[in-house]
């Protein structure tokens, strides 16, 4: 029997409805799907940094309320606005991007 695959996902749109549903499914079925890490690209908005938006808009969402404390430790929050050219984005997060196996643009 071979070991479960180790998958690293990169998701955009996680602060929206579909993004939250996708993240919830990946976290809930983590072992079954072989999810190792999940990166989420979030843009700063209304004076809030990406990590603040993640805590307020995602972690506190009802769909995550039954998860054990600390579930979000498998998530890497990457602050970026994909509508703007950021040539340093890849180099700033090279270690994470190098291991990405799946990208979902939600």
PDB file of N, CA and C in Angstrom:
ATOM      1  N   UNK A   1       0.846  -1.175   0.000  1.00  0.00           N
ATOM      2  CA  UNK A   1       0.000   0.000   0.000  1.00  0.00           C
ATOM      3  C   UNK A   1       0.894   1.242   0.000  1.00  0.00           C
ATOM      4  N   UNK A   2       0.652   2.154  -0.908  1.00  0.00           N
ATOM      5  CA  UNK A   2       1.477   3.357  -0.989  1.00  0.00           C
ATOM      6  C   UNK A   2       0.944   4.428  -0.048  1.00  0.00           C
ATOM      7  N   UNK A   3       1.814   5.369   0.317  1.00  0.00           N
ATOM      8  CA  UNK A   3       1.431   6.466   1.198  1.00  0.00           C
ATOM      9  C   UNK A   3       0.481   7.401   0.464  1.00  0.00           C
ATOM     10  N   UNK A   4      -0.370   8.057   1.227  1.00  0.00           N
ATOM     11  CA  UNK A   4      -1.305   9.023   0.636  1.00  0.00           C
ATOM     12  C   UNK A   4      -0.516  10.163   0.014  1.00  0.00           C
ATOM     13  N   UNK A   5      -1.007  10.690  -1.103  1.00  0.00           N
ATOM     14  CA  UNK A   5      -0.299  11.801  -1.738  1.00  0.00           C
ATOM     15  C   UNK A   5      -0.300  13.024  -0.830  1.00  0.00           C
ATOM     16  N   UNK A   6       0.716  13.839  -0.959  1.00  0.00           N
ATOM     17  CA  UNK A   6       0.802  15.073  -0.196  1.00  0.00           C
ATOM     18  C   UNK A   6       0.467  16.218  -1.140  1.00  0.00           C
ATOM     19  N   UNK A   7      -0.665  16.854  -0.911  1.00  0.00           N
ATOM     20  CA  UNK A   7      -1.135  17.898  -1.815  1.00  0.00           C
ATOM     21  C   UNK A   7      -1.088  19.256  -1.124  1.00  0.00           C
ATOM     22  N   UNK A   8      -0.668  20.257  -1.880  1.00  0.00           N
ATOM     23  CA  UNK A   8      -0.665  21.631  -1.398  1.00  0.00           C
ATOM     24  C   UNK A   8      -1.502  22.454  -2.357  1.00  0.00           C
ATOM     25  N   UNK A   9      -2.536  23.083  -1.820  1.00  0.00           N
ATOM     26  CA  UNK A   9      -3.475  23.864  -2.613  1.00  0.00           C
ATOM     27  C   UNK A   9      -3.196  25.348  -2.474  1.00  0.00           C
ATOM     28  N   UNK A  10      -3.465  26.080  -3.541  1.00  0.00           N
ATOM     29  CA  UNK A  10      -3.442  27.541  -3.535  1.00  0.00           C
ATOM     30  C   UNK A  10      -4.825  27.983  -3.986  1.00  0.00           C
ATOM     31  N   UNK A  11      -5.505  28.791  -3.150  1.00  0.00           N
ATOM     32  CA  UNK A  11      -6.879  29.193  -3.425  1.00  0.00           C
ATOM     33  C   UNK A  11      -6.977  30.716  -3.455  1.00  0.00           C
ATOM     34  N   UNK A  12      -7.692  31.228  -4.438  1.00  0.00           N
ATOM     35  CA  UNK A  12      -8.073  32.635  -4.433  1.00  0.00           C
ATOM     36  C   UNK A  12      -9.553  32.703  -4.079  1.00  0.00           C
ATOM     37  N   UNK A  13     -10.005  33.843  -3.613  1.00  0.00           N
ATOM     38  CA  UNK A  13     -11.422  34.029  -3.338  1.00  0.00           C
ATOM     39  C   UNK A  13     -11.922  33.360  -2.077  1.00  0.00           C
ATOM     40  N   UNK A  14     -11.042  33.060  -1.143  1.00  0.00           N
ATOM     41  CA  UNK A  14     -11.445  32.333   0.059  1.00  0.00           C
ATOM     42  C   UNK A  14     -12.339  33.151   0.986  1.00  0.00           C
ATOM     43  N   UNK A  15     -12.375  34.461   0.839  1.00  0.00           N
ATOM     44  CA  UNK A  15     -13.258  35.262   1.685  1.00  0.00           C
ATOM     45  C   UNK A  15     -14.693  35.256   1.169  1.00  0.00           C
ATOM     46  N   UNK A  16     -14.905  34.740  -0.024  1.00  0.00           N
ATOM     47  CA  UNK A  16     -16.253  34.629  -0.594  1.00  0.00           C
ATOM     48  C   UNK A  16     -16.889  33.288  -0.255  1.00  0.00           C
ATOM     49  N   UNK A  17     -18.143  33.148  -0.613  1.00  0.00           N
ATOM     50  CA  UNK A  17     -18.908  31.939  -0.285  1.00  0.00           C
ATOM     51  C   UNK A  17     -18.254  30.669  -0.838  1.00  0.00           C
ATOM     52  N   UNK A  18     -17.983  30.627  -2.141  1.00  0.00           N
ATOM     53  CA  UNK A  18     -17.414  29.416  -2.748  1.00  0.00           C
ATOM     54  C   UNK A  18     -16.040  29.087  -2.193  1.00  0.00           C
ATOM     55  N   UNK A  19     -15.244  30.126  -1.964  1.00  0.00           N
ATOM     56  CA  UNK A  19     -13.911  29.906  -1.402  1.00  0.00           C
ATOM     57  C   UNK A  19     -13.970  29.279  -0.021  1.00  0.00           C
ATOM     58  N   UNK A  20     -14.903  29.755   0.800  1.00  0.00           N
ATOM     59  CA  UNK A  20     -15.064  29.183   2.149  1.00  0.00           C
ATOM     60  C   UNK A  20     -15.523  27.732   2.068  1.00  0.00           C
ATOM     61  N   UNK A  21     -16.464  27.452   1.182  1.00  0.00           N
ATOM     62  CA  UNK A  21     -16.949  26.073   1.022  1.00  0.00           C
ATOM     63  C   UNK A  21     -15.802  25.157   0.599  1.00  0.00           C
ATOM     64  N   UNK A  22     -14.999  25.613  -0.336  1.00  0.00           N
ATOM     65  CA  UNK A  22     -13.853  24.817  -0.789  1.00  0.00           C
ATOM     66  C   UNK A  22     -12.861  24.579   0.343  1.00  0.00           C
ATOM     67  N   UNK A  23     -12.508  25.632   1.068  1.00  0.00           N
ATOM     68  CA  UNK A  23     -11.557  25.488   2.172  1.00  0.00           C
ATOM     69  C   UNK A  23     -12.105  24.551   3.243  1.00  0.00           C
ATOM     70  N   UNK A  24     -13.386  24.691   3.559  1.00  0.00           N
ATOM     71  CA  UNK A  24     -14.001  23.821   4.567  1.00  0.00           C
ATOM     72  C   UNK A  24     -13.897  22.359   4.143  1.00  0.00           C
ATOM     73  N   UNK A  25     -14.166  22.102   2.888  1.00  0.00           N
ATOM     74  CA  UNK A  25     -14.100  20.727   2.367  1.00  0.00           C
ATOM     75  C   UNK A  25     -12.667  20.187   2.422  1.00  0.00           C
ATOM     76  N   UNK A  26     -11.708  21.001   2.056  1.00  0.00           N
ATOM     77  CA  UNK A  26     -10.307  20.566   2.083  1.00  0.00           C
ATOM     78  C   UNK A  26      -9.844  20.272   3.503  1.00  0.00           C
ATOM     79  N   UNK A  27     -10.239  21.105   4.440  1.00  0.00           N
ATOM     80  CA  UNK A  27      -9.830  20.896   5.832  1.00  0.00           C
ATOM     81  C   UNK A  27     -10.558  19.688   6.421  1.00  0.00           C
ATOM     82  N   UNK A  28     -11.853  19.594   6.188  1.00  0.00           N
ATOM     83  CA  UNK A  28     -12.640  18.490   6.738  1.00  0.00           C
ATOM     84  C   UNK A  28     -12.180  17.133   6.193  1.00  0.00           C
ATOM     85  N   UNK A  29     -11.816  17.103   4.912  1.00  0.00           N
ATOM     86  CA  UNK A  29     -11.415  15.844   4.276  1.00  0.00           C
ATOM     87  C   UNK A  29      -9.895  15.772   4.098  1.00  0.00           C
ATOM     88  N   UNK A  30      -9.186  16.476   4.943  1.00  0.00           N
ATOM     89  CA  UNK A  30      -7.724  16.598   4.830  1.00  0.00           C
ATOM     90  C   UNK A  30      -7.020  15.252   4.691  1.00  0.00           C
ATOM     91  N   UNK A  31      -7.289  14.336   5.582  1.00  0.00           N
ATOM     92  CA  UNK A  31      -6.616  13.025   5.537  1.00  0.00           C
ATOM     93  C   UNK A  31      -6.984  12.247   4.286  1.00  0.00           C
ATOM     94  N   UNK A  32      -8.257  12.214   3.986  1.00  0.00           N
ATOM     95  CA  UNK A  32      -8.755  11.477   2.824  1.00  0.00           C
ATOM     96  C   UNK A  32      -8.158  11.992   1.518  1.00  0.00           C
ATOM     97  N   UNK A  33      -8.022  13.316   1.409  1.00  0.00           N
ATOM     98  CA  UNK A  33      -7.524  13.927   0.179  1.00  0.00           C
ATOM     99  C   UNK A  33      -6.010  14.130   0.169  1.00  0.00           C
ATOM    100  N   UNK A  34      -5.357  13.870   1.278  1.00  0.00           N
ATOM    101  CA  UNK A  34      -3.909  14.043   1.354  1.00  0.00           C
ATOM    102  C   UNK A  34      -3.485  15.500   1.355  1.00  0.00           C
ATOM    103  N   UNK A  35      -4.295  16.353   1.960  1.00  0.00           N
ATOM    104  CA  UNK A  35      -3.985  17.795   1.988  1.00  0.00           C
ATOM    105  C   UNK A  35      -2.920  18.060   3.036  1.00  0.00           C
ATOM    106  N   UNK A  36      -1.809  18.601   2.578  1.00  0.00           N
ATOM    107  CA  UNK A  36      -0.701  18.946   3.477  1.00  0.00           C
ATOM    108  C   UNK A  36      -0.795  20.402   3.918  1.00  0.00           C
ATOM    109  N   UNK A  37      -0.964  21.307   2.960  1.00  0.00           N
ATOM    110  CA  UNK A  37      -1.047  22.753   3.228  1.00  0.00           C
ATOM    111  C   UNK A  37      -2.063  23.363   2.274  1.00  0.00           C
ATOM    112  N   UNK A  38      -2.594  24.504   2.697  1.00  0.00           N
ATOM    113  CA  UNK A  38      -3.473  25.298   1.840  1.00  0.00           C
ATOM    114  C   UNK A  38      -3.004  26.734   1.928  1.00  0.00           C
ATOM    115  N   UNK A  39      -2.692  27.327   0.797  1.00  0.00           N
ATOM    116  CA  UNK A  39      -2.354  28.741   0.740  1.00  0.00           C
ATOM    117  C   UNK A  39      -3.557  29.504   0.227  1.00  0.00           C
ATOM    118  N   UNK A  40      -3.802  30.660   0.812  1.00  0.00           N
ATOM    119  CA  UNK A  40      -4.921  31.485   0.376  1.00  0.00           C
ATOM    120  C   UNK A  40      -4.409  32.874   0.046  1.00  0.00           C
ATOM    121  N   UNK A  41      -4.750  33.355  -1.133  1.00  0.00           N
ATOM    122  CA  UNK A  41      -4.376  34.708  -1.524  1.00  0.00           C
ATOM    123  C   UNK A  41      -5.538  35.628  -1.177  1.00  0.00           C
ATOM    124  N   UNK A  42      -5.243  36.611  -0.336  1.00  0.00           N
ATOM    125  CA  UNK A  42      -6.262  37.567   0.109  1.00  0.00           C
ATOM    126  C   UNK A  42      -5.696  38.968  -0.064  1.00  0.00           C
ATOM    127  N   UNK A  43      -6.515  39.850  -0.611  1.00  0.00           N
ATOM    128  CA  UNK A  43      -6.054  41.228  -0.776  1.00  0.00           C
ATOM    129  C   UNK A  43      -6.426  42.035   0.467  1.00  0.00           C
ATOM    130  N   UNK A  44      -5.582  43.015   0.806  1.00  0.00           N
ATOM    131  CA  UNK A  44      -5.957  43.908   1.909  1.00  0.00           C
ATOM    132  C   UNK A  44      -7.159  44.741   1.473  1.00  0.00           C
ATOM    133  N   UNK A  45      -8.011  45.090   2.439  1.00  0.00           N
ATOM    134  CA  UNK A  45      -9.211  45.845   2.090  1.00  0.00           C
ATOM    135  C   UNK A  45      -9.690  46.633   3.309  1.00  0.00           C
ATOM    136  N   UNK A  46     -10.131  47.846   3.068  1.00  0.00           N
ATOM    137  CA  UNK A  46     -10.688  48.707   4.119  1.00  0.00           C
ATOM    138  C   UNK A  46      -9.777  48.805   5.331  1.00  0.00           C
ATOM    139  N   UNK A  47      -8.498  48.937   5.091  1.00  0.00           N
ATOM    140  CA  UNK A  47      -7.544  49.092   6.181  1.00  0.00           C
ATOM    141  C   UNK A  47      -7.165  47.808   6.902  1.00  0.00           C
ATOM    142  N   UNK A  48      -7.667  46.680   6.444  1.00  0.00           N
ATOM    143  CA  UNK A  48      -7.340  45.402   7.070  1.00  0.00           C
ATOM    144  C   UNK A  48      -6.314  44.652   6.239  1.00  0.00           C
ATOM    145  N   UNK A  49      -5.316  44.116   6.908  1.00  0.00           N
ATOM    146  CA  UNK A  49      -4.327  43.268   6.238  1.00  0.00           C
ATOM    147  C   UNK A  49      -4.971  41.923   5.912  1.00  0.00           C
ATOM    148  N   UNK A  50      -4.336  41.167   5.046  1.00  0.00           N
ATOM    149  CA  UNK A  50      -4.869  39.869   4.622  1.00  0.00           C
ATOM    150  C   UNK A  50      -5.068  38.921   5.793  1.00  0.00           C
ATOM    151  N   UNK A  51      -4.112  38.851   6.704  1.00  0.00           N
ATOM    152  CA  UNK A  51      -4.250  37.942   7.846  1.00  0.00           C
ATOM    153  C   UNK A  51      -5.408  38.346   8.754  1.00  0.00           C
ATOM    154  N   UNK A  52      -5.659  39.640   8.885  1.00  0.00           N
ATOM    155  CA  UNK A  52      -6.794  40.110   9.677  1.00  0.00           C
ATOM    156  C   UNK A  52      -8.112  39.724   9.001  1.00  0.00           C
ATOM    157  N   UNK A  53      -8.168  39.908   7.686  1.00  0.00           N
ATOM    158  CA  UNK A  53      -9.377  39.517   6.949  1.00  0.00           C
ATOM    159  C   UNK A  53      -9.615  38.013   7.064  1.00  0.00           C
ATOM    160  N   UNK A  54      -8.547  37.225   7.000  1.00  0.00           N
ATOM    161  CA  UNK A  54      -8.686  35.785   7.129  1.00  0.00           C
ATOM    162  C   UNK A  54      -9.310  35.427   8.476  1.00  0.00           C
ATOM    163  N   UNK A  55      -8.788  36.001   9.553  1.00  0.00           N
ATOM    164  CA  UNK A  55      -9.333  35.704  10.889  1.00  0.00           C
ATOM    165  C   UNK A  55     -10.786  36.157  11.019  1.00  0.00           C
ATOM    166  N   UNK A  56     -11.099  37.357  10.529  1.00  0.00           N
ATOM    167  CA  UNK A  56     -12.453  37.912  10.677  1.00  0.00           C
ATOM    168  C   UNK A  56     -13.480  37.276   9.743  1.00  0.00           C
ATOM    169  N   UNK A  57     -13.102  37.098   8.486  1.00  0.00           N
ATOM    170  CA  UNK A  57     -14.078  36.694   7.477  1.00  0.00           C
ATOM    171  C   UNK A  57     -14.108  35.192   7.200  1.00  0.00           C
ATOM    172  N   UNK A  58     -13.034  34.519   7.513  1.00  0.00           N
ATOM    173  CA  UNK A  58     -12.968  33.087   7.195  1.00  0.00           C
ATOM    174  C   UNK A  58     -13.004  32.243   8.473  1.00  0.00           C
ATOM    175  N   UNK A  59     -12.038  32.426   9.339  1.00  0.00           N
ATOM    176  CA  UNK A  59     -11.956  31.582  10.536  1.00  0.00           C
ATOM    177  C   UNK A  59     -13.234  31.659  11.364  1.00  0.00           C
ATOM    178  N   UNK A  60     -13.838  32.827  11.438  1.00  0.00           N
ATOM    179  CA  UNK A  60     -15.059  33.014  12.245  1.00  0.00           C
ATOM    180  C   UNK A  60     -16.345  32.591  11.520  1.00  0.00           C
ATOM    181  N   UNK A  61     -16.249  32.171  10.282  1.00  0.00           N
ATOM    182  CA  UNK A  61     -17.436  31.776   9.516  1.00  0.00           C
ATOM    183  C   UNK A  61     -18.084  30.533  10.134  1.00  0.00           C
ATOM    184  N   UNK A  62     -19.390  30.463  10.012  1.00  0.00           N
ATOM    185  CA  UNK A  62     -20.164  29.380  10.620  1.00  0.00           C
ATOM    186  C   UNK A  62     -19.716  27.994  10.153  1.00  0.00           C
ATOM    187  N   UNK A  63     -19.296  27.874   8.909  1.00  0.00           N
ATOM    188  CA  UNK A  63     -18.929  26.549   8.388  1.00  0.00           C
ATOM    189  C   UNK A  63     -17.684  25.970   9.067  1.00  0.00           C
ATOM    190  N   UNK A  64     -16.926  26.800   9.783  1.00  0.00           N
ATOM    191  CA  UNK A  64     -15.734  26.326  10.483  1.00  0.00           C
ATOM    192  C   UNK A  64     -15.961  26.186  11.987  1.00  0.00           C
ATOM    193  N   UNK A  65     -17.157  26.490  12.459  1.00  0.00           N
ATOM    194  CA  UNK A  65     -17.424  26.547  13.899  1.00  0.00           C
ATOM    195  C   UNK A  65     -17.279  25.202  14.610  1.00  0.00           C
ATOM    196  N   UNK A  66     -17.448  24.114  13.902  1.00  0.00           N
ATOM    197  CA  UNK A  66     -17.354  22.786  14.536  1.00  0.00           C
ATOM    198  C   UNK A  66     -15.949  22.188  14.451  1.00  0.00           C
ATOM    199  N   UNK A  67     -15.031  22.895  13.798  1.00  0.00           N
ATOM    200  CA  UNK A  67     -13.663  22.390  13.683  1.00  0.00           C
ATOM    201  C   UNK A  67     -12.926  22.584  15.004  1.00  0.00           C
ATOM    202  N   UNK A  68     -11.970  21.714  15.294  1.00  0.00           N
ATOM    203  CA  UNK A  68     -11.197  21.881  16.526  1.00  0.00           C
ATOM    204  C   UNK A  68     -10.339  23.148  16.460  1.00  0.00           C
ATOM    205  N   UNK A  69     -10.059  23.700  17.622  1.00  0.00           N
ATOM    206  CA  UNK A  69      -9.206  24.893  17.688  1.00  0.00           C
ATOM    207  C   UNK A  69      -7.875  24.606  16.998  1.00  0.00           C
ATOM    208  N   UNK A  70      -7.390  25.585  16.280  1.00  0.00           N
ATOM    209  CA  UNK A  70      -6.101  25.449  15.606  1.00  0.00           C
ATOM    210  C   UNK A  70      -6.162  24.875  14.206  1.00  0.00           C
ATOM    211  N   UNK A  71      -7.362  24.594  13.699  1.00  0.00           N
ATOM    212  CA  UNK A  71      -7.479  24.015  12.353  1.00  0.00           C
ATOM    213  C   UNK A  71      -6.791  24.878  11.315  1.00  0.00           C
ATOM    214  N   UNK A  72      -6.775  26.177  11.544  1.00  0.00           N
ATOM    215  CA  UNK A  72      -6.250  27.111  10.547  1.00  0.00           C
ATOM    216  C   UNK A  72      -4.723  27.093  10.438  1.00  0.00           C
ATOM    217  N   UNK A  73      -4.050  26.305  11.253  1.00  0.00           N
ATOM    218  CA  UNK A  73      -2.588  26.264  11.184  1.00  0.00           C
ATOM    219  C   UNK A  73      -2.073  25.639   9.889  1.00  0.00           C
ATOM    220  N   UNK A  74      -2.924  24.925   9.163  1.00  0.00           N
ATOM    221  CA  UNK A  74      -2.471  24.367   7.881  1.00  0.00           C
ATOM    222  C   UNK A  74      -2.584  25.389   6.749  1.00  0.00           C
ATOM    223  N   UNK A  75      -3.106  26.572   7.074  1.00  0.00           N
ATOM    224  CA  UNK A  75      -3.342  27.607   6.061  1.00  0.00           C
ATOM    225  C   UNK A  75      -2.229  28.651   6.097  1.00  0.00           C
ATOM    226  N   UNK A  76      -1.706  28.965   4.924  1.00  0.00           N
ATOM    227  CA  UNK A  76      -0.740  30.051   4.758  1.00  0.00           C
ATOM    228  C   UNK A  76      -1.463  31.195   4.070  1.00  0.00           C
ATOM    229  N   UNK A  77      -1.515  32.345   4.732  1.00  0.00           N
ATOM    230  CA  UNK A  77      -2.176  33.518   4.167  1.00  0.00           C
ATOM    231  C   UNK A  77      -1.131  34.329   3.396  1.00  0.00           C
ATOM    232  N   UNK A  78      -1.449  34.589   2.132  1.00  0.00           N
ATOM    233  CA  UNK A  78      -0.556  35.363   1.260  1.00  0.00           C
ATOM    234  C   UNK A  78      -1.283  36.638   0.876  1.00  0.00           C
ATOM    235  N   UNK A  79      -0.718  37.759   1.278  1.00  0.00           N
ATOM    236  CA  UNK A  79      -1.345  39.042   0.966  1.00  0.00           C
ATOM    237  C   UNK A  79      -0.944  39.476  -0.434  1.00  0.00           C
ATOM    238  N   UNK A  80      -1.948  39.635  -1.286  1.00  0.00           N
ATOM    239  CA  UNK A  80      -1.693  40.070  -2.661  1.00  0.00           C
ATOM    240  C   UNK A  80      -2.996  40.525  -3.290  1.00  0.00           C
ATOM    241  N   UNK A  81      -2.876  41.435  -4.212  1.00  0.00           N
ATOM    242  CA  UNK A  81      -4.009  41.862  -5.024  1.00  0.00           C
ATOM    243  C   UNK A  81      -3.691  41.417  -6.439  1.00  0.00           C
ATOM    244  N   UNK A  82      -4.383  40.429  -6.927  1.00  0.00           N
ATOM    245  CA  UNK A  82      -4.075  39.865  -8.239  1.00  0.00           C
ATOM    246  C   UNK A  82      -4.417  40.803  -9.384  1.00  0.00           C
ATOM    247  N   UNK A  83      -5.105  41.902  -9.087  1.00  0.00           N
ATOM    248  CA  UNK A  83      -5.402  42.895 -10.113  1.00  0.00           C
ATOM    249  C   UNK A  83      -4.231  43.845 -10.335  1.00  0.00           C
ATOM    250  N   UNK A  84      -3.238  43.770  -9.456  1.00  0.00           N
ATOM    251  CA  UNK A  84      -2.061  44.626  -9.568  1.00  0.00           C
ATOM    252  C   UNK A  84      -0.831  43.774  -9.843  1.00  0.00           C
ATOM    253  N   UNK A  85       0.058  44.294 -10.632  1.00  0.00           N
ATOM    254  CA  UNK A  85       1.293  43.597 -10.950  1.00  0.00           C
ATOM    255  C   UNK A  85       2.232  43.637  -9.748  1.00  0.00           C
ATOM    256  N   UNK A  86       2.607  42.496  -9.234  1.00  0.00           N
ATOM    257  CA  UNK A  86       3.533  42.405  -8.108  1.00  0.00           C
ATOM    258  C   UNK A  86       4.616  41.405  -8.482  1.00  0.00           C
ATOM    259  N   UNK A  87       5.682  41.923  -9.021  1.00  0.00           N
ATOM    260  CA  UNK A  87       6.753  41.059  -9.495  1.00  0.00           C
ATOM    261  C   UNK A  87       7.499  40.366  -8.362  1.00  0.00           C
ATOM    262  N   UNK A  88       7.326  40.834  -7.147  1.00  0.00           N
ATOM    263  CA  UNK A  88       8.008  40.225  -6.012  1.00  0.00           C
ATOM    264  C   UNK A  88       7.170  39.131  -5.342  1.00  0.00           C
ATOM    265  N   UNK A  89       5.923  38.978  -5.746  1.00  0.00           N
ATOM    266  CA  UNK A  89       5.031  38.008  -5.104  1.00  0.00           C
ATOM    267  C   UNK A  89       5.625  36.605  -5.090  1.00  0.00           C
ATOM    268  N   UNK A  90       6.104  36.147  -6.225  1.00  0.00           N
ATOM    269  CA  UNK A  90       6.668  34.799  -6.287  1.00  0.00           C
ATOM    270  C   UNK A  90       7.918  34.654  -5.443  1.00  0.00           C
ATOM    271  N   UNK A  91       8.787  35.652  -5.478  1.00  0.00           N
ATOM    272  CA  UNK A  91      10.016  35.541  -4.704  1.00  0.00           C
ATOM    273  C   UNK A  91       9.757  35.645  -3.201  1.00  0.00           C
ATOM    274  N   UNK A  92       8.777  36.449  -2.801  1.00  0.00           N
ATOM    275  CA  UNK A  92       8.450  36.587  -1.368  1.00  0.00           C
ATOM    276  C   UNK A  92       7.937  35.275  -0.787  1.00  0.00           C
ATOM    277  N   UNK A  93       7.249  34.501  -1.590  1.00  0.00           N
ATOM    278  CA  UNK A  93       6.617  33.271  -1.114  1.00  0.00           C
ATOM    279  C   UNK A  93       7.118  32.049  -1.882  1.00  0.00           C
ATOM    280  N   UNK A  94       8.358  32.107  -2.316  1.00  0.00           N
ATOM    281  CA  UNK A  94       8.920  31.044  -3.152  1.00  0.00           C
ATOM    282  C   UNK A  94       8.837  29.673  -2.497  1.00  0.00           C
ATOM    283  N   UNK A  95       9.120  29.590  -1.219  1.00  0.00           N
ATOM    284  CA  UNK A  95       9.104  28.293  -0.537  1.00  0.00           C
ATOM    285  C   UNK A  95       7.719  27.663  -0.599  1.00  0.00           C
ATOM    286  N   UNK A  96       6.688  28.470  -0.411  1.00  0.00           N
ATOM    287  CA  UNK A  96       5.328  27.922  -0.477  1.00  0.00           C
ATOM    288  C   UNK A  96       4.965  27.565  -1.910  1.00  0.00           C
ATOM    289  N   UNK A  97       5.158  28.505  -2.842  1.00  0.00           N
ATOM    290  CA  UNK A  97       4.752  28.285  -4.230  1.00  0.00           C
ATOM    291  C   UNK A  97       5.456  27.084  -4.849  1.00  0.00           C
ATOM    292  N   UNK A  98       6.675  26.811  -4.425  1.00  0.00           N
ATOM    293  CA  UNK A  98       7.441  25.699  -4.977  1.00  0.00           C
ATOM    294  C   UNK A  98       6.718  24.366  -4.762  1.00  0.00           C
ATOM    295  N   UNK A  99       5.985  24.239  -3.647  1.00  0.00           N
ATOM    296  CA  UNK A  99       5.332  22.973  -3.348  1.00  0.00           C
ATOM    297  C   UNK A  99       3.885  22.862  -3.780  1.00  0.00           C
ATOM    298  N   UNK A 100       3.340  23.895  -4.419  1.00  0.00           N
ATOM    299  CA  UNK A 100       1.918  23.890  -4.799  1.00  0.00           C
ATOM    300  C   UNK A 100       1.652  22.808  -5.859  1.00  0.00           C
ATOM    301  N   UNK A 101       0.636  21.991  -5.592  1.00  0.00           N
ATOM    302  CA  UNK A 101       0.263  20.949  -6.541  1.00  0.00           C
ATOM    303  C   UNK A 101      -1.077  21.242  -7.222  1.00  0.00           C
ATOM    304  N   UNK A 102      -1.907  22.087  -6.604  1.00  0.00           N
ATOM    305  CA  UNK A 102      -3.231  22.401  -7.138  1.00  0.00           C
ATOM    306  C   UNK A 102      -3.530  23.889  -6.935  1.00  0.00           C
ATOM    307  N   UNK A 103      -4.096  24.518  -7.959  1.00  0.00           N
ATOM    308  CA  UNK A 103      -4.511  25.914  -7.872  1.00  0.00           C
ATOM    309  C   UNK A 103      -5.998  25.986  -8.193  1.00  0.00           C
ATOM    310  N   UNK A 104      -6.748  26.679  -7.311  1.00  0.00           N
ATOM    311  CA  UNK A 104      -8.172  26.864  -7.544  1.00  0.00           C
ATOM    312  C   UNK A 104      -8.441  28.361  -7.477  1.00  0.00           C
ATOM    313  N   UNK A 105      -8.856  28.911  -8.596  1.00  0.00           N
ATOM    314  CA  UNK A 105      -9.167  30.337  -8.683  1.00  0.00           C
ATOM    315  C   UNK A 105     -10.676  30.505  -8.496  1.00  0.00           C
ATOM    316  N   UNK A 106     -11.049  30.851  -7.255  1.00  0.00           N
ATOM    317  CA  UNK A 106     -12.467  30.948  -6.920  1.00  0.00           C
ATOM    318  C   UNK A 106     -12.877  32.407  -6.925  1.00  0.00           C
TER     319      UNK A 106
END
